[in-house]
Amino acid sequence: MRMSAVIGHRGAAQLAPENTLAGIRTAHALGLEWVEMDVVLLGDGQLVIHHDQAVNRCTNGSGELLSSTLEEIKALDAGVGFSKEFAGEEVPTLKEVIDLLSELGMGLNLEIKMHKHPVDKLVLPVVEALKQKSLPDGKLLVSSFDHDALKLFHEHMPAIPVAHLFEKLSVDWQEQARKVGAVAINLGQKPLKRSQVQEVINEGYEVYCYTVNSQSRADELWSWGVSGVFTDNPKLVIR
């Protein structure tokens, strides 16, 4: 499968509150076809879209997600700290994100953020949620830095493509990618070399790079054969 050349990172994180429905709408308004968002687990077993282990940075609340319930999380404001324009924006559930993306016809790179979760405690609820409500074929890619999380996810949902995330390409990346059935490798762009991109492509994988917020760097990566880039600001990166 192939995502688009430009993918909104956490929605459009420089233009709207990250990992929110407003971020998805902002990305869509700018013509993006795909966004990347993070799924995490709450203390009551509910799944929400959020990046950090705690809510302090991205909401007007404080405390860790594993100590919170959905009711408590929904009472927080995830937009006012970004700007008054987004006051009242909620932390969305996975279901709410899938519903909006389906309505807009967009694709999702869903990153499983493990934090302190035991692998099965997060991955299996994600599996069950996607069995109940998912995006059409070709519109969903699941990724993670956590090898065990991807392996368990692939065992339960082999039809959904996965991407192995690496900050730096590891020596044993091929073995790790093979064990999780990966179709793509998502890589940090700062330490990346052209030869590494070619190595991954030669092994039959797509390459996507994060986080790219300049046109010149995006153009360079595309010239190396990278399939797509994740950006916080789609206005700065145009393909």
Protein backbone atom coordinates (compact mmCIF):
# COMPACT_ATOMS: atom_id res chain seq x y z
CA MET A 1 0.00 0.00 0.00
CA ARG A 2 1.07 3.61 -0.37
CA MET A 3 0.19 6.64 1.71
CA SER A 4 0.34 10.12 0.19
CA ALA A 5 3.55 12.08 -0.41
CA VAL A 6 2.61 14.59 2.33
CA ILE A 7 1.08 13.32 5.59
CA GLY A 8 -0.17 15.57 8.35
CA HIS A 9 1.80 14.90 11.54
CA ARG A 10 -0.62 14.56 14.49
CA GLY A 11 -3.13 16.23 12.21
CA ALA A 12 -1.39 19.50 11.39
CA ALA A 13 0.45 20.15 14.63
CA GLN A 14 1.74 23.66 13.86
CA LEU A 15 -1.63 24.88 12.60
CA ALA A 16 -4.13 23.28 15.00
CA PRO A 17 -4.01 21.43 18.33
CA GLU A 18 -2.23 18.13 17.77
CA ASN A 19 -4.15 14.84 17.76
CA THR A 20 -7.55 16.53 17.63
CA LEU A 21 -10.52 16.55 15.27
CA ALA A 22 -9.69 20.19 14.55
CA GLY A 23 -6.26 19.04 13.38
CA ILE A 24 -7.84 16.57 10.97
CA ARG A 25 -10.20 19.22 9.60
CA THR A 26 -7.30 21.64 9.17
CA ALA A 27 -5.27 19.04 7.27
CA HIS A 28 -8.26 18.23 5.07
CA ALA A 29 -8.89 21.90 4.32
CA LEU A 30 -5.30 22.14 3.05
CA GLY A 31 -5.84 19.23 0.68
CA LEU A 32 -4.10 16.47 2.62
CA GLU A 33 -5.30 12.91 2.07
CA TRP A 34 -3.56 11.29 5.08
CA VAL A 35 -2.81 12.16 8.69
CA GLU A 36 -0.74 10.48 11.39
CA MET A 37 -2.15 10.25 14.92
CA ASP A 38 -1.30 8.46 18.17
CA VAL A 39 -3.48 6.05 20.12
CA VAL A 40 -3.05 5.57 23.89
CA LEU A 41 -4.85 3.78 26.70
CA LEU A 42 -6.66 5.29 29.67
CA GLY A 43 -6.93 3.81 33.13
CA ASP A 44 -10.50 2.70 32.46
CA GLY A 45 -9.50 0.81 29.30
CA GLN A 46 -10.76 3.41 26.83
CA LEU A 47 -8.69 4.42 23.80
CA VAL A 48 -8.00 8.07 23.01
CA ILE A 49 -5.88 9.96 20.52
CA HIS A 50 -3.01 11.61 22.38
CA HIS A 51 0.78 11.57 22.17
CA ASP A 52 2.19 11.97 25.66
CA GLN A 53 2.11 9.81 28.76
CA ALA A 54 0.50 12.73 30.63
CA VAL A 55 -2.02 15.38 29.60
CA ASN A 56 -0.04 18.39 30.91
CA ARG A 57 1.51 19.58 27.63
CA CYS A 58 -1.52 19.38 25.35
CA THR A 59 -4.48 20.16 27.62
CA ASN A 60 -5.41 22.46 30.50
CA GLY A 61 -5.22 19.51 32.90
CA SER A 62 -2.49 17.48 34.56
CA GLY A 63 -1.82 13.84 35.37
CA GLU A 64 -1.06 10.59 33.60
CA LEU A 65 -3.40 8.89 31.18
CA LEU A 66 -3.22 5.57 33.00
CA SER A 67 -4.65 7.32 36.06
CA SER A 68 -7.51 8.90 34.11
CA THR A 69 -10.97 7.90 32.92
CA LEU A 70 -12.61 8.89 29.65
CA GLU A 71 -15.04 11.12 31.55
CA GLU A 72 -12.12 12.98 33.15
CA ILE A 73 -10.25 13.31 29.86
CA LYS A 74 -13.33 14.58 28.04
CA ALA A 75 -13.67 17.38 30.61
CA LEU A 76 -10.29 18.80 29.59
CA ASP A 77 -9.67 21.49 26.98
CA ALA A 78 -7.16 20.35 24.36
CA GLY A 79 -7.40 23.52 22.27
CA VAL A 80 -7.25 26.65 24.40
CA GLY A 81 -3.53 26.25 25.13
CA PHE A 82 -2.86 26.30 21.38
CA SER A 83 -5.01 29.36 20.71
CA LYS A 84 -8.34 30.83 21.79
CA GLU A 85 -9.68 29.92 18.36
CA PHE A 86 -9.64 26.26 19.38
CA ALA A 87 -11.01 26.66 22.92
CA GLY A 88 -13.23 23.76 23.88
CA GLU A 89 -11.54 21.22 21.61
CA GLU A 90 -11.64 17.76 23.20
CA VAL A 91 -9.21 14.88 23.31
CA PRO A 92 -10.90 12.55 20.79
CA THR A 93 -11.50 8.84 21.07
CA LEU A 94 -10.21 6.45 18.41
CA LYS A 95 -13.80 5.92 17.27
CA GLU A 96 -14.39 9.64 16.84
CA VAL A 97 -11.25 9.98 14.73
CA ILE A 98 -12.20 7.05 12.50
CA ASP A 99 -15.72 8.46 12.06
CA LEU A 100 -14.41 11.86 10.95
CA LEU A 101 -11.76 10.43 8.64
CA SER A 102 -14.37 8.16 7.05
CA GLU A 103 -16.64 11.16 6.52
CA LEU A 104 -13.81 13.13 4.90
CA GLY A 105 -12.45 10.18 2.90
CA MET A 106 -9.00 10.47 4.48
CA GLY A 107 -6.41 7.86 5.41
CA LEU A 108 -4.81 7.29 8.82
CA ASN A 109 -1.36 6.24 9.97
CA LEU A 110 -2.25 5.15 13.50
CA GLU A 111 0.77 5.01 15.78
CA ILE A 112 0.50 2.78 18.85
CA LYS A 113 2.14 4.68 21.74
CA MET A 114 3.11 2.15 24.38
CA HIS A 115 4.39 4.32 27.25
CA LYS A 116 4.04 2.16 30.39
CA HIS A 117 1.36 -0.17 29.03
CA PRO A 118 1.85 -3.93 28.99
CA VAL A 119 1.75 -4.76 25.29
CA ASP A 120 -1.45 -6.82 25.32
CA LYS A 121 -3.32 -4.26 27.47
CA LEU A 122 -3.09 -1.67 24.69
CA VAL A 123 -2.74 -3.68 21.50
CA LEU A 124 -5.70 -6.01 22.05
CA PRO A 125 -8.16 -3.15 22.73
CA VAL A 126 -6.90 -1.47 19.55
CA VAL A 127 -7.52 -4.71 17.66
CA GLU A 128 -11.05 -5.00 19.06
CA ALA A 129 -11.81 -1.35 18.30
CA LEU A 130 -10.65 -1.72 14.69
CA LYS A 131 -12.71 -4.88 14.26
CA GLN A 132 -15.79 -2.92 15.29
CA LYS A 133 -15.05 0.23 13.30
CA SER A 134 -12.24 0.69 10.83
CA LEU A 135 -11.38 2.60 7.69
CA PRO A 136 -11.75 1.18 4.17
CA ASP A 137 -9.00 -0.98 2.69
CA GLY A 138 -6.02 1.12 1.71
CA LYS A 139 -6.89 3.89 4.16
CA LEU A 140 -5.25 2.56 7.35
CA LEU A 141 -1.64 1.87 8.28
CA VAL A 142 -0.62 0.96 11.84
CA SER A 143 2.86 1.83 13.11
CA SER A 144 4.89 1.74 16.32
CA PHE A 145 8.41 1.99 17.66
CA ASP A 146 7.55 -1.01 19.85
CA HIS A 147 8.43 -4.22 18.04
CA ASP A 148 6.37 -6.45 20.33
CA ALA A 149 3.31 -4.26 19.89
CA LEU A 150 3.53 -4.49 16.11
CA LYS A 151 4.15 -8.23 16.24
CA LEU A 152 1.06 -8.83 18.39
CA PHE A 153 -1.05 -6.50 16.26
CA HIS A 154 0.02 -8.26 13.05
CA GLU A 155 -0.76 -11.66 14.53
CA HIS A 156 -4.32 -10.57 15.27
CA MET A 157 -4.95 -8.36 12.21
CA PRO A 158 -2.65 -9.55 9.39
CA ALA A 159 -4.78 -7.85 6.73
CA ILE A 160 -3.98 -4.36 8.04
CA PRO A 161 -0.57 -3.12 6.80
CA VAL A 162 1.98 -2.06 9.39
CA ALA A 163 5.08 0.13 9.38
CA HIS A 164 8.01 -0.29 11.75
CA LEU A 165 9.15 3.01 13.24
CA PHE A 166 12.84 3.71 13.83
CA GLU A 167 14.46 6.90 15.04
CA LYS A 168 17.63 5.58 13.42
CA LEU A 169 17.81 2.59 11.10
CA SER A 170 19.02 -0.29 13.27
CA VAL A 171 21.51 -2.96 12.22
CA ASP A 172 18.81 -5.63 12.48
CA TRP A 173 15.99 -3.59 10.91
CA GLN A 174 15.31 -6.22 8.23
CA GLU A 175 14.73 -8.97 10.79
CA GLN A 176 12.49 -6.72 12.87
CA ALA A 177 10.47 -5.64 9.83
CA ARG A 178 10.06 -9.21 8.62
CA LYS A 179 8.81 -10.47 11.99
CA VAL A 180 5.99 -7.92 12.11
CA GLY A 181 5.05 -8.26 8.44
CA ALA A 182 5.90 -4.61 7.74
CA VAL A 183 5.20 -3.05 4.35
CA ALA A 184 6.89 0.25 5.19
CA ILE A 185 9.65 1.68 7.35
CA ASN A 186 9.03 5.05 9.01
CA LEU A 187 12.29 6.82 9.80
CA GLY A 188 13.53 9.92 11.59
CA GLN A 189 14.79 12.25 8.86
CA LYS A 190 17.58 14.05 10.73
CA PRO A 191 20.16 11.22 10.87
CA LEU A 192 19.03 9.65 7.60
CA LYS A 193 21.42 9.02 4.71
CA ARG A 194 20.59 8.46 1.06
CA SER A 195 22.30 5.07 1.14
CA GLN A 196 20.01 3.94 3.97
CA VAL A 197 16.90 4.94 2.05
CA GLN A 198 18.15 3.00 -0.95
CA GLU A 199 18.90 -0.01 1.24
CA VAL A 200 15.33 -0.09 2.54
CA ILE A 201 13.79 0.46 -0.89
CA ASN A 202 15.96 -2.28 -2.40
CA GLU A 203 14.48 -4.70 0.15
CA GLY A 204 10.98 -3.89 -1.10
CA TYR A 205 9.75 -1.51 1.59
CA GLU A 206 8.25 1.94 1.27
CA VAL A 207 10.01 4.69 3.25
CA TYR A 208 8.28 7.52 5.09
CA CYS A 209 10.16 10.18 7.06
CA TYR A 210 9.29 12.32 10.07
CA THR A 211 9.13 15.22 10.84
CA VAL A 212 9.79 17.39 7.78
CA ASN A 213 8.92 21.08 7.97
CA SER A 214 10.86 22.56 5.06
CA GLN A 215 10.33 22.32 1.33
CA SER A 216 14.03 21.87 0.61
CA ARG A 217 14.37 18.87 2.90
CA ALA A 218 11.17 17.30 1.57
CA ASP A 219 12.40 17.72 -2.01
CA GLU A 220 15.73 16.14 -1.09
CA LEU A 221 14.07 13.14 0.56
CA TRP A 222 11.72 12.62 -2.37
CA SER A 223 14.71 12.72 -4.71
CA TRP A 224 16.19 9.87 -2.68
CA GLY A 225 13.07 7.78 -3.33
CA VAL A 226 11.17 8.40 -0.08
CA SER A 227 7.45 7.74 -0.60
CA GLY A 228 6.19 10.38 1.79
CA VAL A 229 7.00 12.81 4.59
CA PHE A 230 5.18 13.64 7.81
CA THR A 231 4.87 17.38 8.39
CA ASP A 232 3.53 19.62 11.16
CA ASN A 233 2.78 22.35 8.63
CA PRO A 234 1.50 21.30 5.21
CA LYS A 235 1.76 24.92 4.04
CA LEU A 236 5.56 24.56 4.14
CA VAL A 237 5.73 21.26 2.27
CA ILE A 238 4.04 20.88 -1.11
CA ARG A 239 4.30 18.02 -3.59
